Amino acid sequence: MPQEEDESLIIYLKKELEASLIRNDSVEKENQELRQEVVRLKAQISSLKAHDNERKSMLWKKLQNANDSSKNDEYQQKPSEFVKASEKSAELPSPTPKIQESVPRKERQLPNPPPKLISPVSSPLSGVNKMPPPTFAPPPPPPPSKMSTGSRSVRRVPEVVEFYRSLTRKNAHMENKSNSTATPGTAFTLNMIGEIENRSTHLSAIKSDVEKRKEFINLLIKEVESAAFKDISDVESFVKWLDHELSSLVDERAVLKHFTQWPERKSDALREAAFNYRDLKNLDSEISSFEDNPKEPLVKAVGKMQALQDRLERSISNTERTREGTVKRYRDFQIPWEWLLDTGLIGQIKLSSLRLAKEYMKRITKELQINECLDEENLLLQGARFAYRVHQAALTQRP
């Protein structure tokens, strides 16, 4: 009876897998169409951006041209205003004909004067000699030069230069003083640091370990250099013994730093192999001993299985990604590396993951038998997806 149930379950799962594969094909076709649509939209967006940039550049050029024309108009209006002011001053009576002659000379120097100021006949200066001498009017202001109308000139202020030079001289003098007193200050600081180091109990303990336990550390160096193993479990026990021996030192890194012959690369490789093997071994035992709790709700139980499968896939992916370089390094240091292959512990973990798929499908079938109100199609599809995922992860092999 259990064999017939397993066969019927396998046939049912095969049908569900075929249906899910057909759905995956249709979804992939839709994804391809959507990708093509995305490419077309990106090209359209880039063309619109280029068109927008061209419009912005044209508008910017127009604004610049408008600003230039407005500036030219302002420059032309300033001389005309000055001409009007000089015209008013010319209408005032002057005491002597010499002043009368000087006015039109200044007016002839103006750019583009109006026609009234060209001929002195039109000005009311004919009866100047008959009138009594009035009060002298101020002469008209000189016309603005071309440089002043175009741009404002910066006047040189020698006081600012002298002030800056005085400040720089003071700063240079202060720097010389500080440099002259810097050497004894640094020497005093170094002396203080030396005194603190000599009084530090931690540093004195490190020095005593380096001096007194020299033979002990040399013995550990020989043990690590001559270590060669055939089984990874022996590496795990050796690393445990080595860590216990090194824990008797005050500071492992600080003490071993004084021994240049310490094989640091090999000791680190031994520790790495032992820790990775222990983590993978614990994961394998957790998966192989996993049992579903029927008292827990469906969502919580299914979530536990999915989280365990995520951990498994992540650990195997990290190991397989760096396996080539790790195997080469372990060979150089005579550390076992066969457990990293698919024929070793990695393959064993992949086979153990099939237990999760079995427990997953059992839990879904039980829930469907107990509660008929659940969505049967979605639950079966969820179980088929998880089983297919576990199956693909177990069959995947990397060199």
Protein backbone atom coordinates (compact mmCIF):
# COMPACT_ATOMS: atom_id res chain seq x y z
CA MET A 1 0.00 0.00 0.00
CA PRO A 2 2.65 2.66 0.80
CA GLN A 3 4.45 1.82 -2.47
CA GLU A 4 1.24 2.37 -4.46
CA GLU A 5 0.67 5.67 -2.69
CA ASP A 6 4.23 6.78 -3.46
CA GLU A 7 3.82 5.80 -7.11
CA SER A 8 0.54 7.68 -7.42
CA LEU A 9 2.14 10.68 -5.70
CA ILE A 10 5.09 10.55 -8.10
CA ILE A 11 2.75 10.37 -11.13
CA TYR A 12 0.76 13.29 -9.80
CA LEU A 13 3.94 15.31 -9.19
CA LYS A 14 5.15 14.54 -12.71
CA LYS A 15 1.91 15.90 -14.16
CA GLU A 16 2.19 19.00 -12.03
CA LEU A 17 5.81 19.48 -13.10
CA GLU A 18 4.85 19.23 -16.76
CA ALA A 19 2.09 21.78 -16.27
CA SER A 20 4.43 24.11 -14.42
CA LEU A 21 7.04 23.75 -17.17
CA ILE A 22 4.45 24.73 -19.78
CA ARG A 23 3.52 27.74 -17.68
CA ASN A 24 7.17 28.65 -17.30
CA ASP A 25 7.60 28.59 -21.09
CA SER A 26 4.66 30.94 -21.55
CA VAL A 27 5.98 33.22 -18.82
CA GLU A 28 9.42 33.27 -20.48
CA LYS A 29 7.85 34.27 -23.80
CA GLU A 30 5.99 37.08 -22.07
CA ASN A 31 9.25 38.17 -20.42
CA GLN A 32 11.00 38.32 -23.80
CA GLU A 33 8.19 40.46 -25.21
CA LEU A 34 8.36 42.76 -22.21
CA ARG A 35 12.14 43.08 -22.56
CA GLN A 36 11.74 44.09 -26.21
CA GLU A 37 9.13 46.64 -25.18
CA VAL A 38 11.49 48.01 -22.52
CA VAL A 39 14.30 48.38 -25.09
CA ARG A 40 11.95 50.22 -27.44
CA LEU A 41 10.78 52.56 -24.67
CA LYS A 42 14.38 53.28 -23.62
CA ALA A 43 15.27 54.24 -27.19
CA GLN A 44 12.21 56.50 -27.35
CA ILE A 45 13.16 58.14 -24.04
CA SER A 46 16.72 58.81 -25.25
CA SER A 47 15.42 60.42 -28.45
CA LEU A 48 13.02 62.60 -26.45
CA LYS A 49 15.88 63.66 -24.15
CA ALA A 50 18.01 64.63 -27.13
CA HIS A 51 15.14 66.66 -28.61
CA ASP A 52 14.57 68.35 -25.25
CA ASN A 53 18.27 69.25 -24.97
CA GLU A 54 18.18 70.81 -28.46
CA ARG A 55 15.14 72.91 -27.51
CA LYS A 56 16.85 74.06 -24.28
CA SER A 57 19.99 75.08 -26.18
CA MET A 58 17.92 77.08 -28.72
CA LEU A 59 16.01 78.86 -25.95
CA TRP A 60 19.28 79.63 -24.15
CA LYS A 61 20.74 81.18 -27.30
CA LYS A 62 17.61 83.30 -27.77
CA LEU A 63 17.83 84.54 -24.17
CA GLN A 64 21.49 85.45 -24.61
CA ASN A 65 20.75 87.37 -27.80
CA ALA A 66 17.93 89.24 -26.06
CA ASN A 67 20.21 90.15 -23.14
CA ASP A 68 22.91 91.41 -25.51
CA SER A 69 20.43 93.59 -27.41
CA SER A 70 19.03 95.04 -24.15
CA LYS A 71 22.56 95.90 -22.98
CA ASN A 72 23.30 97.69 -26.27
CA ASP A 73 20.09 99.72 -25.92
CA GLU A 74 21.09 100.78 -22.41
CA TYR A 75 24.52 101.88 -23.62
CA GLN A 76 22.93 103.99 -26.36
CA GLN A 77 20.43 105.56 -23.95
CA LYS A 78 23.15 106.72 -21.50
CA PRO A 79 24.88 109.15 -23.97
CA SER A 80 21.53 110.55 -25.09
CA GLU A 81 20.62 111.37 -21.47
CA PHE A 82 23.96 113.09 -21.03
CA VAL A 83 23.30 115.12 -24.20
CA LYS A 84 19.97 116.27 -22.78
CA ALA A 85 21.71 117.41 -19.58
CA SER A 86 24.32 119.35 -21.55
CA GLU A 87 21.54 120.87 -23.67
CA LYS A 88 19.93 122.29 -20.56
CA SER A 89 23.22 123.69 -19.31
CA ALA A 90 23.89 125.31 -22.72
CA GLU A 91 20.60 127.25 -22.56
CA LEU A 92 21.81 129.08 -19.44
CA PRO A 93 23.50 132.55 -20.06
CA SER A 94 27.31 132.69 -19.95
CA PRO A 95 29.43 135.81 -19.06
CA THR A 96 31.90 135.89 -21.95
CA PRO A 97 31.95 134.70 -25.54
CA LYS A 98 34.94 132.45 -24.70
CA ILE A 99 32.66 130.24 -22.65
CA GLN A 100 30.13 130.46 -25.46
CA GLU A 101 32.66 129.05 -27.88
CA SER A 102 33.79 126.29 -25.55
CA VAL A 103 30.31 124.81 -25.21
CA PRO A 104 29.85 123.78 -28.87
CA ARG A 105 33.40 122.36 -28.93
CA LYS A 106 32.56 120.02 -26.09
CA GLU A 107 29.28 119.20 -27.74
CA ARG A 108 31.01 118.22 -30.96
CA GLN A 109 32.98 115.58 -29.06
CA LEU A 110 29.78 113.77 -28.03
CA PRO A 111 28.74 110.67 -30.00
CA ASN A 112 25.72 111.17 -32.30
CA PRO A 113 24.62 114.67 -31.09
CA PRO A 114 21.11 115.89 -31.94
CA PRO A 115 20.71 118.43 -34.82
CA LYS A 116 19.89 121.36 -32.44
CA LEU A 117 23.40 121.38 -30.96
CA ILE A 118 25.28 121.35 -34.31
CA SER A 119 24.60 125.01 -35.27
CA PRO A 120 25.19 127.73 -32.62
CA VAL A 121 22.65 130.02 -34.34
CA SER A 122 19.66 128.17 -32.92
CA SER A 123 20.85 128.65 -29.33
CA PRO A 124 19.59 131.84 -27.54
CA LEU A 125 23.09 133.27 -27.01
CA SER A 126 22.88 136.27 -29.41
CA GLY A 127 22.08 138.87 -26.72
CA VAL A 128 24.74 137.89 -24.25
CA ASN A 129 26.81 141.16 -24.57
CA LYS A 130 23.79 143.41 -23.90
CA MET A 131 22.77 141.68 -20.69
CA PRO A 132 24.44 142.42 -17.33
CA PRO A 133 26.95 139.80 -16.16
CA PRO A 134 24.97 137.08 -14.38
CA THR A 135 26.25 134.57 -11.89
CA PHE A 136 28.55 131.91 -13.34
CA ALA A 137 26.85 128.56 -14.07
CA PRO A 138 28.83 125.34 -13.49
CA PRO A 139 30.30 123.85 -16.66
CA PRO A 140 28.67 120.70 -18.04
CA PRO A 141 30.14 117.39 -16.91
CA PRO A 142 32.59 115.68 -19.26
CA PRO A 143 31.18 112.98 -21.55
CA PRO A 144 31.67 109.39 -20.36
CA SER A 145 34.49 107.51 -22.03
CA LYS A 146 33.97 104.30 -23.98
CA MET A 147 35.69 102.15 -21.37
CA SER A 148 33.52 103.46 -18.52
CA THR A 149 30.29 102.93 -20.46
CA GLY A 150 31.22 99.35 -21.38
CA SER A 151 32.48 98.12 -18.02
CA ARG A 152 33.14 99.47 -14.54
CA SER A 153 36.84 100.06 -13.88
CA VAL A 154 38.42 98.76 -10.63
CA ARG A 155 40.45 101.35 -8.78
CA ARG A 156 43.73 100.21 -7.27
CA VAL A 157 43.90 100.72 -3.49
CA PRO A 158 47.50 100.56 -2.22
CA GLU A 159 46.37 100.52 1.43
CA VAL A 160 44.84 97.03 0.96
CA VAL A 161 48.08 95.73 -0.55
CA GLU A 162 50.14 97.09 2.35
CA PHE A 163 47.72 95.60 4.88
CA TYR A 164 47.95 92.15 3.23
CA ARG A 165 51.75 92.29 3.17
CA SER A 166 51.91 93.19 6.85
CA LEU A 167 49.64 90.25 7.71
CA THR A 168 51.72 87.80 5.65
CA ARG A 169 54.89 89.00 7.35
CA LYS A 170 53.32 88.37 10.77
CA ASN A 171 52.18 84.85 9.75
CA ALA A 172 55.62 83.99 8.40
CA HIS A 173 57.20 85.21 11.64
CA MET A 174 54.81 83.07 13.71
CA GLU A 175 55.51 79.98 11.56
CA ASN A 176 59.22 80.39 12.06
CA LYS A 177 58.70 80.56 15.81
CA SER A 178 56.51 77.43 15.80
CA ASN A 179 59.03 75.51 13.68
CA SER A 180 61.82 76.44 16.05
CA THR A 181 59.87 75.04 19.01
CA ALA A 182 58.42 71.97 17.21
CA THR A 183 61.41 69.66 17.60
CA PRO A 184 61.60 69.65 21.42
CA GLY A 185 57.79 69.29 21.59
CA THR A 186 57.76 66.15 19.44
CA ALA A 187 60.70 64.74 21.36
CA PHE A 188 58.85 65.32 24.63
CA THR A 189 55.78 63.53 23.19
CA LEU A 190 57.88 60.55 22.11
CA ASN A 191 59.42 60.38 25.55
CA MET A 192 55.97 60.32 27.13
CA ILE A 193 54.83 57.53 24.81
CA GLY A 194 57.91 55.53 25.66
CA GLU A 195 57.27 55.92 29.38
CA ILE A 196 53.63 54.87 29.00
CA GLU A 197 54.67 51.78 27.03
CA ASN A 198 57.20 50.81 29.68
CA ARG A 199 54.61 51.22 32.44
CA SER A 200 51.84 49.32 30.57
CA THR A 201 51.16 45.94 32.18
CA HIS A 202 49.80 44.50 28.93
CA LEU A 203 52.93 45.37 26.96
CA SER A 204 55.19 44.12 29.72
CA ALA A 205 53.26 40.83 29.80
CA ILE A 206 53.69 40.47 26.00
CA LYS A 207 57.43 41.06 26.35
CA SER A 208 57.68 38.45 29.12
CA ASP A 209 55.81 35.89 26.94
CA VAL A 210 58.16 36.56 24.04
CA GLU A 211 61.20 36.05 26.27
CA LYS A 212 60.09 33.24 28.59
CA ARG A 213 57.94 31.10 26.25
CA LYS A 214 60.24 31.13 23.28
CA GLU A 215 60.86 27.36 23.37
CA PHE A 216 57.13 26.64 23.66
CA ILE A 217 56.34 28.76 20.58
CA ASN A 218 59.18 27.19 18.60
CA LEU A 219 57.71 23.77 19.39
CA LEU A 220 54.30 24.94 18.09
CA ILE A 221 55.97 26.25 14.92
CA LYS A 222 57.46 22.80 14.23
CA GLU A 223 54.14 21.08 14.87
CA VAL A 224 52.27 23.35 12.46
CA GLU A 225 54.93 23.13 9.74
CA SER A 226 55.12 19.32 9.89
CA ALA A 227 51.34 18.79 10.11
CA ALA A 228 49.96 16.56 7.32
CA PHE A 229 46.52 14.94 7.44
CA LYS A 230 44.47 12.47 5.43
CA ASP A 231 41.08 13.01 7.07
CA ILE A 232 39.42 16.38 7.65
CA SER A 233 38.25 15.30 11.12
CA ASP A 234 41.93 15.07 12.17
CA VAL A 235 42.38 18.69 11.05
CA GLU A 236 39.45 19.70 13.24
CA SER A 237 40.96 18.04 16.32
CA PHE A 238 44.43 19.51 15.59
CA VAL A 239 43.03 23.04 15.30
CA LYS A 240 41.16 22.56 18.56
CA TRP A 241 44.42 21.53 20.29
CA LEU A 242 46.37 24.41 18.72
CA ASP A 243 43.81 27.02 19.83
CA HIS A 244 43.90 25.62 23.35
CA GLU A 245 47.69 25.92 23.47
CA LEU A 246 47.76 29.44 22.05
CA SER A 247 45.07 30.60 24.48
CA SER A 248 47.68 30.45 27.27
CA LEU A 249 49.43 33.49 25.71
CA VAL A 250 48.52 37.00 26.81
CA ASP A 251 47.87 38.21 23.25
CA GLU A 252 48.26 35.67 20.45
CA ARG A 253 48.73 38.11 17.57
CA ALA A 254 51.02 40.45 19.48
CA VAL A 255 53.27 37.65 20.72
CA LEU A 256 53.49 35.71 17.43
CA LYS A 257 54.30 38.95 15.61
CA HIS A 258 57.77 38.80 17.17
CA PHE A 259 58.40 35.35 15.62
CA THR A 260 58.99 35.79 11.90
CA GLN A 261 59.20 32.01 11.32
CA TRP A 262 55.59 31.45 12.49
CA PRO A 263 53.67 29.77 9.56
CA GLU A 264 50.73 32.14 9.59
CA ARG A 265 49.33 31.19 6.16
CA LYS A 266 49.23 27.49 6.99
CA SER A 267 47.70 28.01 10.43
CA ASP A 268 45.02 30.24 8.93
CA ALA A 269 44.30 27.64 6.22
CA LEU A 270 43.98 24.88 8.86
CA ARG A 271 41.54 26.97 10.89
CA GLU A 272 39.52 27.87 7.82
CA ALA A 273 39.21 24.21 6.74
CA ALA A 274 38.20 23.08 10.24
CA PHE A 275 35.56 25.80 10.67
CA ASN A 276 34.04 25.34 7.20
CA TYR A 277 33.85 21.58 7.64
CA ARG A 278 32.21 21.96 11.06
CA ASP A 279 29.60 24.41 9.73
CA LEU A 280 28.70 22.20 6.76
CA LYS A 281 28.58 19.12 8.99
CA ASN A 282 26.17 20.84 11.39
CA LEU A 283 23.99 21.93 8.46
CA ASP A 284 23.90 18.38 7.08
CA SER A 285 22.90 16.93 10.43
CA GLU A 286 20.19 19.58 10.85
CA ILE A 287 18.69 18.80 7.43
CA SER A 288 18.89 15.02 7.73
CA SER A 289 17.23 15.07 11.18
CA PHE A 290 14.51 17.56 10.25
CA GLU A 291 10.96 16.54 11.12
CA ASP A 292 7.80 18.49 10.51
CA ASN A 293 5.69 19.44 13.53
CA PRO A 294 2.01 18.86 12.63
CA LYS A 295 0.87 21.13 15.48
CA GLU A 296 2.42 24.19 13.85
CA PRO A 297 0.39 26.15 11.29
CA LEU A 298 1.04 25.56 7.62
CA VAL A 299 2.65 28.95 6.93
CA LYS A 300 5.14 28.61 9.79
CA ALA A 301 6.10 25.02 8.93
CA VAL A 302 6.55 25.79 5.24
CA GLY A 303 8.59 28.90 6.11
CA LYS A 304 11.00 26.82 8.22
CA MET A 305 11.63 24.42 5.34
CA GLN A 306 12.18 27.24 2.87
CA ALA A 307 14.58 29.04 5.24
CA LEU A 308 16.57 25.83 5.72
CA GLN A 309 16.77 25.32 1.95
CA ASP A 310 17.94 28.94 1.54
CA ARG A 311 20.76 28.37 4.03
CA LEU A 312 21.77 25.19 2.26
CA GLU A 313 21.87 26.78 -1.20
CA ARG A 314 23.77 29.82 0.09
CA SER A 315 26.44 27.69 1.85
CA ILE A 316 26.91 25.39 -1.15
CA SER A 317 27.09 28.37 -3.54
CA ASN A 318 29.77 30.09 -1.45
CA THR A 319 31.81 26.88 -1.22
CA GLU A 320 31.56 26.08 -4.93
CA ARG A 321 32.40 29.65 -5.98
CA THR A 322 35.79 29.58 -4.20
CA ARG A 323 36.40 25.82 -4.45
CA GLU A 324 39.10 25.90 -7.13
CA GLY A 325 41.42 28.29 -5.27
CA THR A 326 40.68 26.64 -1.91
CA VAL A 327 41.54 23.14 -3.20
CA LYS A 328 44.84 24.38 -4.62
CA ARG A 329 45.76 26.07 -1.32
CA TYR A 330 44.82 23.00 0.75
CA ARG A 331 46.97 20.80 -1.48
CA ASP A 332 50.00 23.02 -0.93
CA PHE A 333 49.60 22.80 2.85
CA GLN A 334 48.76 19.03 2.88
CA ILE A 335 45.20 19.59 4.08
CA PRO A 336 42.41 17.20 2.96
CA TRP A 337 40.25 18.74 0.22
CA GLU A 338 38.15 15.84 -1.14
CA TRP A 339 35.22 16.75 1.14
CA LEU A 340 34.71 19.92 -0.92
CA LEU A 341 33.79 17.93 -4.04
CA ASP A 342 30.32 16.69 -5.02
CA THR A 343 31.44 13.19 -4.13
CA GLY A 344 32.21 14.26 -0.57
CA LEU A 345 30.34 16.24 2.07
CA ILE A 346 28.84 18.68 -0.49
CA GLY A 347 27.18 15.84 -2.40
CA GLN A 348 25.92 14.35 0.86
CA ILE A 349 24.28 17.66 1.82
CA LYS A 350 22.61 17.88 -1.60
CA LEU A 351 21.12 14.42 -1.18
CA SER A 352 19.94 15.28 2.32
CA SER A 353 18.03 18.24 0.93
CA LEU A 354 15.63 15.82 -0.82
CA ARG A 355 14.24 15.07 2.62
CA LEU A 356 13.00 18.65 2.83
CA ALA A 357 11.07 18.25 -0.44
CA LYS A 358 9.46 15.05 0.86
CA GLU A 359 8.43 16.65 4.16
CA TYR A 360 7.11 19.69 2.27
CA MET A 361 4.84 17.62 0.01
CA LYS A 362 3.64 15.48 2.91
CA ARG A 363 2.59 18.57 4.86
CA ILE A 364 0.68 20.01 1.90
CA THR A 365 -1.21 16.75 1.21
CA LYS A 366 -2.16 16.47 4.90
CA GLU A 367 -3.47 20.05 4.93
CA LEU A 368 -5.56 19.39 1.83
CA GLN A 369 -7.03 16.24 3.38
CA ILE A 370 -7.87 17.98 6.66
CA ASN A 371 -9.12 21.31 5.31
CA GLU A 372 -11.03 21.13 2.05
CA CYS A 373 -11.63 24.89 1.94
CA LEU A 374 -8.02 25.62 0.99
CA ASP A 375 -7.06 26.51 -2.55
CA GLU A 376 -5.94 23.12 -3.80
CA GLU A 377 -4.42 24.29 -7.07
CA ASN A 378 -2.23 27.00 -5.53
CA LEU A 379 -0.99 24.73 -2.73
CA LEU A 380 -0.10 21.93 -5.14
CA LEU A 381 1.66 24.39 -7.41
CA GLN A 382 3.62 25.76 -4.42
CA GLY A 383 4.70 22.26 -3.40
CA ALA A 384 5.68 21.34 -6.95
CA ARG A 385 7.79 24.49 -7.25
CA PHE A 386 9.64 23.76 -4.02
CA ALA A 387 10.24 20.12 -5.01
CA TYR A 388 11.50 21.23 -8.43
CA ARG A 389 13.81 23.78 -6.80
CA VAL A 390 15.29 21.17 -4.43
CA HIS A 391 15.63 18.68 -7.28
CA GLN A 392 17.50 21.17 -9.48
CA ALA A 393 19.80 22.23 -6.62
CA ALA A 394 20.65 18.59 -5.88
CA LEU A 395 21.43 17.79 -9.51
CA THR A 396 23.57 20.92 -10.10
CA GLN A 397 27.26 20.04 -10.22
CA ARG A 398 30.12 22.45 -10.63
CA PRO A 399 33.72 21.58 -11.49
